[in-house]
Amino acid sequence: MIIERTEDLGLIERICLDADVFRWITDDDARLYLNSHPRIHYFLVKVEEPSDIVATVPVTAGFVAFTPENVCTWIPHVALLLPYRGHGLALNSMKAGIDWMFKNTGCEKLTGRPASYNTRMIALFHKLGFHQEGLCRDSWKKDSVLYDRVCFGMEKARWH
């Protein structure tokens, strides 16, 4: 696995608009808001796949992004295309992104608020060592149903 910083919002948008990704990252408003800003960090997640021409070639499997919540807190996001899910790629790419954020920015804390039905993201936050800080009741609408969001946090001092 390779992660590399990118500013290619067109590629990030194409990944987001993949039908199986889009349904997990949007609520009923279903609009995609991608921003370019010096404090937003996008990382492509690439994996090596066999090729007929060369032994292996890096293929984009998705991305990890960190958007600022305020001057010291960022929100991590991960989006992987369907064929690359379930192999530890989300965990390893998030770890690499978190390492980069804590070493290269003023980030002191990461927070996340996945919808309660997004059990994979909730499990990922637990595996990464995030602690549950609370619940945002009825704050995410999907398919006309209100869901809670689970609030997670990770301080730089607790990482590793």
C-alpha atoms as a PDB file:
ATOM      1  CA  MET A   1       0.000   0.000   0.000  1.00  0.00           C
ATOM      2  CA  ILE A   2       1.136   3.513  -0.849  1.00  0.00           C
ATOM      3  CA  ILE A   3      -0.426   6.791   0.216  1.00  0.00           C
ATOM      4  CA  GLU A   4       0.545   9.986  -1.520  1.00  0.00           C
ATOM      5  CA  ARG A   5      -0.682  13.542  -1.142  1.00  0.00           C
ATOM      6  CA  THR A   6      -2.731  14.882  -3.992  1.00  0.00           C
ATOM      7  CA  GLU A   7      -4.485  18.047  -5.033  1.00  0.00           C
ATOM      8  CA  ASP A   8      -6.258  16.301  -7.912  1.00  0.00           C
ATOM      9  CA  LEU A   9      -9.842  17.073  -6.881  1.00  0.00           C
ATOM     10  CA  GLY A  10     -11.069  15.629 -10.180  1.00  0.00           C
ATOM     11  CA  LEU A  11      -9.775  12.190  -9.215  1.00  0.00           C
ATOM     12  CA  ILE A  12     -11.111  12.532  -5.656  1.00  0.00           C
ATOM     13  CA  GLU A  13     -14.499  13.510  -7.108  1.00  0.00           C
ATOM     14  CA  ARG A  14     -14.541  10.492  -9.453  1.00  0.00           C
ATOM     15  CA  ILE A  15     -13.926   8.194  -6.479  1.00  0.00           C
ATOM     16  CA  CYS A  16     -16.660   9.937  -4.463  1.00  0.00           C
ATOM     17  CA  LEU A  17     -19.139   9.663  -7.322  1.00  0.00           C
ATOM     18  CA  ASP A  18     -18.663   5.895  -7.583  1.00  0.00           C
ATOM     19  CA  ALA A  19     -22.161   4.626  -6.704  1.00  0.00           C
ATOM     20  CA  ASP A  20     -20.994   2.383  -3.869  1.00  0.00           C
ATOM     21  CA  VAL A  21     -18.817   5.125  -2.333  1.00  0.00           C
ATOM     22  CA  PHE A  22     -21.362   7.916  -2.808  1.00  0.00           C
ATOM     23  CA  ARG A  23     -24.080   6.106  -0.845  1.00  0.00           C
ATOM     24  CA  TRP A  24     -21.804   5.891   2.219  1.00  0.00           C
ATOM     25  CA  ILE A  25     -20.499   9.463   2.224  1.00  0.00           C
ATOM     26  CA  THR A  26     -23.709  11.400   1.637  1.00  0.00           C
ATOM     27  CA  ASP A  27     -26.933  11.967   3.488  1.00  0.00           C
ATOM     28  CA  ASP A  28     -30.328  12.695   1.931  1.00  0.00           C
ATOM     29  CA  ASP A  29     -29.054  16.085   0.722  1.00  0.00           C
ATOM     30  CA  ALA A  30     -26.819  13.997  -1.612  1.00  0.00           C
ATOM     31  CA  ARG A  31     -24.592  16.819  -2.784  1.00  0.00           C
ATOM     32  CA  LEU A  32     -20.862  16.478  -2.976  1.00  0.00           C
ATOM     33  CA  TYR A  33     -18.808  19.333  -1.572  1.00  0.00           C
ATOM     34  CA  LEU A  34     -15.104  19.024  -2.315  1.00  0.00           C
ATOM     35  CA  ASN A  35     -12.920  21.909  -1.357  1.00  0.00           C
ATOM     36  CA  SER A  36      -9.403  22.890  -2.206  1.00  0.00           C
ATOM     37  CA  HIS A  37      -7.745  24.630   0.700  1.00  0.00           C
ATOM     38  CA  PRO A  38      -4.185  24.530   2.079  1.00  0.00           C
ATOM     39  CA  ARG A  39      -5.474  23.020   5.340  1.00  0.00           C
ATOM     40  CA  ILE A  40      -7.406  20.155   3.672  1.00  0.00           C
ATOM     41  CA  HIS A  41      -5.166  17.167   3.097  1.00  0.00           C
ATOM     42  CA  TYR A  42      -6.069  14.521   0.498  1.00  0.00           C
ATOM     43  CA  PHE A  43      -4.071  11.299   0.156  1.00  0.00           C
ATOM     44  CA  LEU A  44      -4.538   8.764  -2.625  1.00  0.00           C
ATOM     45  CA  VAL A  45      -4.456   5.165  -1.462  1.00  0.00           C
ATOM     46  CA  LYS A  46      -2.690   2.973  -4.004  1.00  0.00           C
ATOM     47  CA  VAL A  47      -2.100  -0.751  -4.148  1.00  0.00           C
ATOM     48  CA  GLU A  48       0.240  -2.751  -6.352  1.00  0.00           C
ATOM     49  CA  GLU A  49      -1.557  -4.969  -8.862  1.00  0.00           C
ATOM     50  CA  PRO A  50      -0.111  -7.395 -11.425  1.00  0.00           C
ATOM     51  CA  SER A  51       0.219  -6.131 -14.978  1.00  0.00           C
ATOM     52  CA  ASP A  52       0.933  -7.823 -18.312  1.00  0.00           C
ATOM     53  CA  ILE A  53       3.497  -5.148 -19.178  1.00  0.00           C
ATOM     54  CA  VAL A  54       5.433  -4.826 -15.884  1.00  0.00           C
ATOM     55  CA  ALA A  55       5.518  -6.952 -12.743  1.00  0.00           C
ATOM     56  CA  THR A  56       3.181  -4.650 -10.773  1.00  0.00           C
ATOM     57  CA  VAL A  57       1.605  -1.279 -11.268  1.00  0.00           C
ATOM     58  CA  PRO A  58       0.144   1.058  -8.607  1.00  0.00           C
ATOM     59  CA  VAL A  59      -3.637   1.343  -8.864  1.00  0.00           C
ATOM     60  CA  THR A  60      -5.714   3.944  -7.018  1.00  0.00           C
ATOM     61  CA  ALA A  61      -7.969   2.146  -4.533  1.00  0.00           C
ATOM     62  CA  GLY A  62      -9.453   5.223  -2.873  1.00  0.00           C
ATOM     63  CA  PHE A  63      -8.411   8.125  -0.692  1.00  0.00           C
ATOM     64  CA  VAL A  64      -7.997   9.386   2.851  1.00  0.00           C
ATOM     65  CA  ALA A  65      -8.785  13.026   3.603  1.00  0.00           C
ATOM     66  CA  PHE A  66      -8.460  15.288   6.622  1.00  0.00           C
ATOM     67  CA  THR A  67     -10.619  18.410   6.802  1.00  0.00           C
ATOM     68  CA  PRO A  68     -10.074  21.072   9.459  1.00  0.00           C
ATOM     69  CA  GLU A  69     -12.720  21.491  12.115  1.00  0.00           C
ATOM     70  CA  ASN A  70     -10.811  24.353  13.746  1.00  0.00           C
ATOM     71  CA  VAL A  71      -7.181  25.460  14.228  1.00  0.00           C
ATOM     72  CA  CYS A  72      -6.092  22.268  16.046  1.00  0.00           C
ATOM     73  CA  THR A  73      -8.705  19.625  15.159  1.00  0.00           C
ATOM     74  CA  TRP A  74      -9.246  17.745  11.900  1.00  0.00           C
ATOM     75  CA  ILE A  75     -11.847  15.231  10.751  1.00  0.00           C
ATOM     76  CA  PRO A  76     -10.542  12.079   9.018  1.00  0.00           C
ATOM     77  CA  HIS A  77     -12.377  10.523   6.080  1.00  0.00           C
ATOM     78  CA  VAL A  78     -11.697   7.346   4.128  1.00  0.00           C
ATOM     79  CA  ALA A  79     -13.289   6.207   0.872  1.00  0.00           C
ATOM     80  CA  LEU A  80     -12.267   2.970  -0.797  1.00  0.00           C
ATOM     81  CA  LEU A  81     -13.617   1.519  -3.996  1.00  0.00           C
ATOM     82  CA  LEU A  82     -15.532  -1.730  -3.445  1.00  0.00           C
ATOM     83  CA  PRO A  83     -12.884  -4.199  -4.707  1.00  0.00           C
ATOM     84  CA  TYR A  84     -10.392  -2.903  -2.119  1.00  0.00           C
ATOM     85  CA  ARG A  85     -12.538  -3.121   0.997  1.00  0.00           C
ATOM     86  CA  GLY A  86     -12.173  -5.726   3.691  1.00  0.00           C
ATOM     87  CA  HIS A  87      -8.409  -6.329   3.409  1.00  0.00           C
ATOM     88  CA  GLY A  88      -7.134  -3.974   6.136  1.00  0.00           C
ATOM     89  CA  LEU A  89      -6.526  -1.227   3.594  1.00  0.00           C
ATOM     90  CA  ALA A  90      -8.767   1.298   5.374  1.00  0.00           C
ATOM     91  CA  LEU A  91      -6.977   0.660   8.667  1.00  0.00           C
ATOM     92  CA  ASN A  92      -3.470   0.897   7.220  1.00  0.00           C
ATOM     93  CA  SER A  93      -4.178   3.937   5.058  1.00  0.00           C
ATOM     94  CA  MET A  94      -5.835   5.778   7.957  1.00  0.00           C
ATOM     95  CA  LYS A  95      -2.848   4.958  10.207  1.00  0.00           C
ATOM     96  CA  ALA A  96      -0.451   6.352   7.600  1.00  0.00           C
ATOM     97  CA  GLY A  97      -2.576   9.475   7.148  1.00  0.00           C
ATOM     98  CA  ILE A  98      -2.885  10.041  10.897  1.00  0.00           C
ATOM     99  CA  ASP A  99       0.882   9.651  11.314  1.00  0.00           C
ATOM    100  CA  TRP A 100       1.415  12.257   8.593  1.00  0.00           C
ATOM    101  CA  MET A 101      -1.110  14.675  10.112  1.00  0.00           C
ATOM    102  CA  PHE A 102       0.348  14.521  13.609  1.00  0.00           C
ATOM    103  CA  LYS A 103       3.920  14.922  12.313  1.00  0.00           C
ATOM    104  CA  ASN A 104       3.373  17.580   9.647  1.00  0.00           C
ATOM    105  CA  THR A 105       0.547  19.853  10.794  1.00  0.00           C
ATOM    106  CA  GLY A 106      -0.658  21.648  13.899  1.00  0.00           C
ATOM    107  CA  CYS A 107      -3.218  18.896  14.417  1.00  0.00           C
ATOM    108  CA  GLU A 108      -3.661  18.114  18.116  1.00  0.00           C
ATOM    109  CA  LYS A 109      -6.884  16.102  17.838  1.00  0.00           C
ATOM    110  CA  LEU A 110      -8.938  14.120  15.329  1.00  0.00           C
ATOM    111  CA  THR A 111     -12.698  13.754  15.598  1.00  0.00           C
ATOM    112  CA  GLY A 112     -15.175  11.656  13.692  1.00  0.00           C
ATOM    113  CA  ARG A 113     -18.938  11.318  13.676  1.00  0.00           C
ATOM    114  CA  PRO A 114     -20.063   8.330  11.586  1.00  0.00           C
ATOM    115  CA  ALA A 115     -23.771   7.532  11.316  1.00  0.00           C
ATOM    116  CA  SER A 116     -24.839   4.759  13.673  1.00  0.00           C
ATOM    117  CA  TYR A 117     -25.610   2.409  10.761  1.00  0.00           C
ATOM    118  CA  ASN A 118     -22.043   2.736   9.441  1.00  0.00           C
ATOM    119  CA  THR A 119     -20.710  -0.128  11.550  1.00  0.00           C
ATOM    120  CA  ARG A 120     -17.545  -0.498   9.451  1.00  0.00           C
ATOM    121  CA  MET A 121     -16.461   3.078  10.141  1.00  0.00           C
ATOM    122  CA  ILE A 122     -17.350   2.746  13.823  1.00  0.00           C
ATOM    123  CA  ALA A 123     -15.255  -0.441  14.027  1.00  0.00           C
ATOM    124  CA  LEU A 124     -12.405   1.322  12.201  1.00  0.00           C
ATOM    125  CA  PHE A 125     -12.366   4.162  14.731  1.00  0.00           C
ATOM    126  CA  HIS A 126     -12.238   1.605  17.563  1.00  0.00           C
ATOM    127  CA  LYS A 127      -9.369  -0.300  15.874  1.00  0.00           C
ATOM    128  CA  LEU A 128      -7.447   2.960  15.461  1.00  0.00           C
ATOM    129  CA  GLY A 129      -7.737   3.645  19.197  1.00  0.00           C
ATOM    130  CA  PHE A 130     -10.252   6.486  19.026  1.00  0.00           C
ATOM    131  CA  HIS A 131     -12.420   6.804  22.114  1.00  0.00           C
ATOM    132  CA  GLN A 132     -16.157   7.336  21.976  1.00  0.00           C
ATOM    133  CA  GLU A 133     -16.985  10.801  23.282  1.00  0.00           C
ATOM    134  CA  GLY A 134     -20.725  10.851  22.880  1.00  0.00           C
ATOM    135  CA  LEU A 135     -23.701  10.595  20.614  1.00  0.00           C
ATOM    136  CA  CYS A 136     -25.271  13.201  18.345  1.00  0.00           C
ATOM    137  CA  ARG A 137     -28.906  12.107  18.352  1.00  0.00           C
ATOM    138  CA  ASP A 138     -31.006  12.202  15.166  1.00  0.00           C
ATOM    139  CA  SER A 139     -28.381  14.191  13.255  1.00  0.00           C
ATOM    140  CA  TRP A 140     -27.966  12.245   9.986  1.00  0.00           C
ATOM    141  CA  LYS A 141     -30.779  11.627   7.542  1.00  0.00           C
ATOM    142  CA  LYS A 142     -30.492   8.729   5.125  1.00  0.00           C
ATOM    143  CA  ASP A 143     -33.363   7.370   3.049  1.00  0.00           C
ATOM    144  CA  SER A 144     -35.726   9.656   5.014  1.00  0.00           C
ATOM    145  CA  VAL A 145     -34.759   8.067   8.343  1.00  0.00           C
ATOM    146  CA  LEU A 146     -32.975  10.003  11.096  1.00  0.00           C
ATOM    147  CA  TYR A 147     -29.918   8.294  12.565  1.00  0.00           C
ATOM    148  CA  ASP A 148     -27.651   9.096  15.469  1.00  0.00           C
ATOM    149  CA  ARG A 149     -23.986   9.866  14.842  1.00  0.00           C
ATOM    150  CA  VAL A 150     -21.381   8.359  17.141  1.00  0.00           C
ATOM    151  CA  CYS A 151     -18.799  10.938  18.261  1.00  0.00           C
ATOM    152  CA  PHE A 152     -15.162   9.782  18.406  1.00  0.00           C
ATOM    153  CA  GLY A 153     -11.928  11.525  19.314  1.00  0.00           C
ATOM    154  CA  MET A 154      -8.181  10.869  19.273  1.00  0.00           C
ATOM    155  CA  GLU A 155      -5.626  13.227  20.800  1.00  0.00           C
ATOM    156  CA  LYS A 156      -2.122  13.488  19.393  1.00  0.00           C
ATOM    157  CA  ALA A 157      -0.701  12.644  22.837  1.00  0.00           C
ATOM    158  CA  ARG A 158      -2.554   9.289  22.804  1.00  0.00           C
ATOM    159  CA  TRP A 159      -1.493   8.250  19.283  1.00  0.00           C
ATOM    160  CA  HIS A 160       0.853   5.233  19.396  1.00  0.00           C
END
